[in-house]
Amino acid sequence: ELPEADPRRKYKGRAVFLGDQVKDQDGNVALFQELGSAPATMSASKIADYHGLLPGNVLMTADVTSAYLQAEITGTKTWVELPPGRWPDAWFRNAPRGGERQAKYRRPVVPLEMALYGHPDAGGIWEQHFDSKVKQFGFNRASEVWNGCYWNPKLKCFLVVYVDDLK
């Protein structure tokens, strides 16, 4: 939305794994671990709102930057086909003067290394990753029945996480 010359101008995009189009080496529907995610409930979010409105408390929200891409993919080995616009230069032959670059490969694939939004197991992998990281900062699960809710006794901080949204 900013003028082209503005140094703050940037493009945003999202790479998505098309989980509904995943096939195995024989062309059959691929099977995964089914690491289902269990995000916080609306009730948990409302409790965080209430807690934040109590005298002496503050309510803040934030988004996790590149959430899924922070977590290494585990489980079923997955290979992805990159669109030509994302290929490294080494995948092209040197073009003749003024000519168009020619691809060395027809449909190269690379192993998926990080959880990518849309992968059937990405939600569960991200939740496990986030859980291990937040515990390093003194947070503990606030409830065995309310997923995505954490309490830090030292900071007296209640944290609710819904995928990549923090409250």
Protein backbone atom coordinates (compact mmCIF):
# COMPACT_ATOMS: atom_id res chain seq x y z
CA GLU A 1 0.00 0.00 0.00
CA LEU A 2 3.00 2.31 0.33
CA PRO A 3 4.58 4.07 -2.66
CA GLU A 4 7.21 2.02 -4.52
CA ALA A 5 10.07 4.26 -3.36
CA ASP A 6 9.14 3.99 0.34
CA PRO A 7 11.76 1.86 2.17
CA ARG A 8 9.02 0.48 4.47
CA ARG A 9 7.22 -1.06 1.50
CA LYS A 10 7.26 -4.85 1.61
CA TYR A 11 5.39 -7.76 0.18
CA LYS A 12 3.77 -10.34 2.38
CA GLY A 13 2.75 -13.78 1.37
CA ARG A 14 2.08 -17.19 2.74
CA ALA A 15 3.40 -20.51 1.56
CA VAL A 16 0.86 -23.24 2.14
CA PHE A 17 1.25 -27.00 1.98
CA LEU A 18 -1.69 -28.37 -0.01
CA GLY A 19 -2.48 -31.18 2.40
CA ASP A 20 -5.47 -32.32 0.39
CA GLN A 21 -3.23 -33.16 -2.58
CA VAL A 22 -0.61 -35.31 -0.84
CA LYS A 23 0.26 -38.62 -2.48
CA ASP A 24 2.72 -41.37 -1.61
CA GLN A 25 5.36 -42.75 -3.99
CA ASP A 26 2.70 -44.94 -5.65
CA GLY A 27 0.21 -42.12 -6.19
CA ASN A 28 -2.07 -43.16 -3.31
CA VAL A 29 -3.34 -40.84 -0.59
CA ALA A 30 -0.50 -40.36 1.91
CA LEU A 31 -1.01 -41.27 5.57
CA PHE A 32 0.33 -39.18 8.44
CA GLN A 33 0.53 -39.42 12.23
CA GLU A 34 -2.64 -37.37 12.60
CA LEU A 35 -1.12 -35.16 15.30
CA GLY A 36 -4.32 -33.27 15.82
CA SER A 37 -4.01 -29.83 17.28
CA ALA A 38 -6.11 -28.81 20.27
CA PRO A 39 -6.17 -25.01 20.44
CA ALA A 40 -7.50 -23.03 23.37
CA THR A 41 -11.25 -22.62 23.65
CA MET A 42 -13.29 -19.43 23.47
CA SER A 43 -13.94 -19.86 27.20
CA ALA A 44 -10.20 -19.77 27.89
CA SER A 45 -9.90 -16.59 25.86
CA LYS A 46 -12.70 -14.98 27.85
CA ILE A 47 -11.02 -15.97 31.14
CA ALA A 48 -7.86 -14.24 29.89
CA ASP A 49 -9.95 -11.14 29.12
CA TYR A 50 -11.41 -11.22 32.63
CA HIS A 51 -8.00 -11.75 34.25
CA GLY A 52 -6.58 -8.83 32.27
CA LEU A 53 -9.40 -6.51 33.36
CA LEU A 54 -8.90 -7.11 37.08
CA PRO A 55 -7.32 -4.19 38.99
CA GLY A 56 -3.55 -4.11 38.59
CA ASN A 57 -3.55 -6.42 35.58
CA VAL A 58 -2.92 -5.70 31.91
CA LEU A 59 -4.28 -7.50 28.85
CA MET A 60 -2.06 -7.78 25.78
CA THR A 61 -2.26 -9.66 22.51
CA ALA A 62 0.44 -10.62 20.01
CA ASP A 63 0.99 -12.76 16.96
CA VAL A 64 3.84 -15.26 16.70
CA THR A 65 6.03 -14.46 13.69
CA SER A 66 6.35 -17.37 11.25
CA ALA A 67 4.83 -19.71 13.82
CA TYR A 68 4.77 -23.09 12.09
CA LEU A 69 8.10 -22.46 10.36
CA GLN A 70 9.86 -22.41 13.74
CA ALA A 71 9.07 -26.09 14.30
CA GLU A 72 11.00 -28.89 12.62
CA ILE A 73 8.73 -31.35 10.85
CA THR A 74 8.66 -34.84 12.36
CA GLY A 75 6.98 -38.08 11.46
CA THR A 76 6.30 -39.16 7.91
CA LYS A 77 9.09 -38.02 5.56
CA THR A 78 7.52 -35.49 3.23
CA TRP A 79 8.87 -34.19 -0.07
CA VAL A 80 7.56 -31.03 -1.70
CA GLU A 81 7.62 -29.72 -5.24
CA LEU A 82 8.68 -26.07 -5.36
CA PRO A 83 7.16 -23.67 -7.87
CA PRO A 84 9.76 -22.51 -10.44
CA GLY A 85 9.72 -19.00 -9.02
CA ARG A 86 11.24 -20.38 -5.78
CA TRP A 87 13.98 -22.48 -7.42
CA PRO A 88 17.61 -21.60 -6.66
CA ASP A 89 19.71 -20.33 -9.58
CA ALA A 90 21.69 -23.59 -9.58
CA TRP A 91 18.60 -25.38 -10.89
CA PHE A 92 18.82 -23.44 -14.18
CA ARG A 93 21.25 -23.66 -17.07
CA ASN A 94 23.10 -20.54 -18.11
CA ALA A 95 20.88 -18.80 -20.60
CA PRO A 96 22.25 -17.81 -24.00
CA ARG A 97 22.74 -14.07 -24.37
CA GLY A 98 19.40 -12.39 -24.05
CA GLY A 99 17.70 -15.78 -23.90
CA GLU A 100 15.37 -17.22 -21.35
CA ARG A 101 16.78 -19.36 -18.53
CA GLN A 102 16.30 -23.07 -19.07
CA ALA A 103 15.46 -25.40 -16.21
CA LYS A 104 17.78 -28.36 -15.56
CA TYR A 105 14.91 -30.34 -14.03
CA ARG A 106 11.26 -30.99 -14.86
CA ARG A 107 9.64 -31.31 -11.42
CA PRO A 108 12.30 -31.36 -8.69
CA VAL A 109 11.33 -32.17 -5.13
CA VAL A 110 13.06 -31.39 -1.84
CA PRO A 111 12.50 -32.73 1.67
CA LEU A 112 10.20 -30.63 3.84
CA GLU A 113 12.23 -29.64 6.91
CA MET A 114 9.98 -27.25 8.80
CA ALA A 115 6.28 -27.51 9.64
CA LEU A 116 4.38 -25.77 6.89
CA TYR A 117 0.83 -24.51 7.28
CA GLY A 118 -1.53 -26.97 5.64
CA HIS A 119 0.54 -30.10 6.38
CA PRO A 120 -1.71 -32.62 8.18
CA ASP A 121 0.64 -32.79 11.19
CA ALA A 122 1.79 -29.14 11.29
CA GLY A 123 -0.71 -27.99 13.93
CA GLY A 124 0.25 -30.68 16.42
CA ILE A 125 3.97 -30.26 15.71
CA TRP A 126 3.70 -26.49 16.24
CA GLU A 127 1.82 -26.98 19.53
CA GLN A 128 4.50 -29.36 20.84
CA HIS A 129 7.23 -26.92 19.79
CA PHE A 130 5.49 -23.93 21.41
CA ASP A 131 4.82 -25.91 24.59
CA SER A 132 8.51 -26.80 24.99
CA LYS A 133 9.61 -23.20 24.35
CA VAL A 134 7.15 -21.48 26.67
CA LYS A 135 8.06 -23.87 29.50
CA GLN A 136 11.68 -22.67 29.21
CA PHE A 137 10.42 -19.26 30.36
CA GLY A 138 8.75 -20.56 33.51
CA PHE A 139 5.25 -21.18 32.16
CA ASN A 140 3.38 -24.36 33.07
CA ARG A 141 0.16 -25.79 31.71
CA ALA A 142 -2.59 -23.98 33.61
CA SER A 143 -5.06 -26.82 33.24
CA GLU A 144 -5.08 -30.43 32.11
CA VAL A 145 -8.44 -29.92 30.39
CA TRP A 146 -7.88 -26.49 28.81
CA ASN A 147 -5.29 -26.79 26.09
CA GLY A 148 -3.23 -23.78 25.17
CA CYS A 149 -3.45 -22.18 28.64
CA TYR A 150 -0.31 -21.47 30.66
CA TRP A 151 0.51 -19.86 34.00
CA ASN A 152 3.79 -18.33 35.10
CA PRO A 153 3.80 -18.17 38.94
CA LYS A 154 6.80 -15.83 39.11
CA LEU A 155 5.34 -13.29 36.69
CA LYS A 156 1.75 -14.01 37.72
CA CYS A 157 1.00 -14.14 34.02
CA PHE A 158 -1.82 -16.11 32.41
CA LEU A 159 -1.13 -16.95 28.75
CA VAL A 160 -3.59 -18.29 26.22
CA VAL A 161 -2.34 -19.43 22.82
CA TYR A 162 -4.60 -20.11 19.86
CA VAL A 163 -2.43 -21.39 16.99
CA ASP A 164 -0.21 -18.28 16.52
CA ASP A 165 -2.25 -15.75 18.50
CA LEU A 166 -1.20 -15.01 22.07
CA LYS A 167 -3.28 -13.32 24.76
